[in-house]
Amino acid sequence: MKFSSDSPRPSGIFLLLTFLLAFTYSNGQQVKPSASGYAPVNGIRVYYEVYGTGSPIVLLHGAFYDIQMNWSQLIPELSKTRKVIALEMQGHGHSPYSDRPLDIKSLAKDVEGLMDYLKIDSADVCGFSMGGSVAYQFAVQSPKRLKKLVIISSTYKTSGWIDQVNNAFDGMTVEFLTDSPLKPAYDAVAPDKTKWTSFLKSMIAFAAVPFDVGDSNIAKITAPVLIIAGDNDGLDKVELGKTYELLGGGISADMSPMPKSQLAIVPAQAHVSLMMQTPIIFSYMDSFLK
């Protein structure tokens, strides 16, 4: 493994990923999809699974994850009363690797393409980590397709993370990630296991490019937004407060109407551990979406 000589951060990431994988695979998905398949969108094929019936919600996973790793605990709860559409973004999980460069605008367009394929006019959208960034972009690109937005431990711009997070990929190599628990998880579902190295290179390149959906664009989002963050999840809480203000929050609701958007900061939670707090996340989402 090759890291920056003065930084232990990749080892920390390795431990978090190990914990996550151990958790998800020991507490596997308790429900089976009512439908699954591949949608041809924007020159690639995107894998999806559908659960339950009712008002639709689209789930967007984090970087390197798949449906099982990210949502196995939440899907059984959401699908009791809702139609849950979970997809695997370009190159992730069952979705084939593509040479198309990764960027959040293309990934957000893929979400709209999947909705077209499934004949869904509009839906609630929930994204975790990288999926949250894509969800913000979707809200800006496709406002008429969005009902409500749920963002879990994510931001719409690179500067929304603290420096420790933004520097986490410094010195990270394909070799390091190949030695992580992500490799067997990839091999278990990828349609072409030989694309592992190409996929990693595309993800490392994707992470190296700063992104910013734009303050002015976020301020124009008309859909209600629920932001769920951990108090120590790597998000810059000053920037998070500014984001909430752009969405109409940060006011004294004793002297003016309560804003339509909401902010929940869960104590004693990191980026990965937050996603494991299923009862807490579901309670916030269920109340907000109703």
Foldseek 3Di string as FASTA:
>chain_A
DWAPPPDPLLVVVLVLLVVLVVVLVVVWAPDAFPDWDWFDFPNFTKTKGKAAADAEEEEAEAPLAACSSQPRLQCVVCRVHHIYMYIAFAVHFATAHDPPFDDLLRRLRVVVRVCVVVVQQAHEYEYAAVGLLSQLNNCLVPVRRYAEYEYEAYDVWPLQFPPSVLCSLHTPDLVSVCPGPSLVSCVVGYPDSVCSRVVVVSVSVRSNDTGHSDLVSLLPRPHAYEYEYEPAARGDVVVVCVSQVSQPDPDPCVVPPHGLYYYHYHYPDYRSVVSVPNVVVCVVVVVSVD
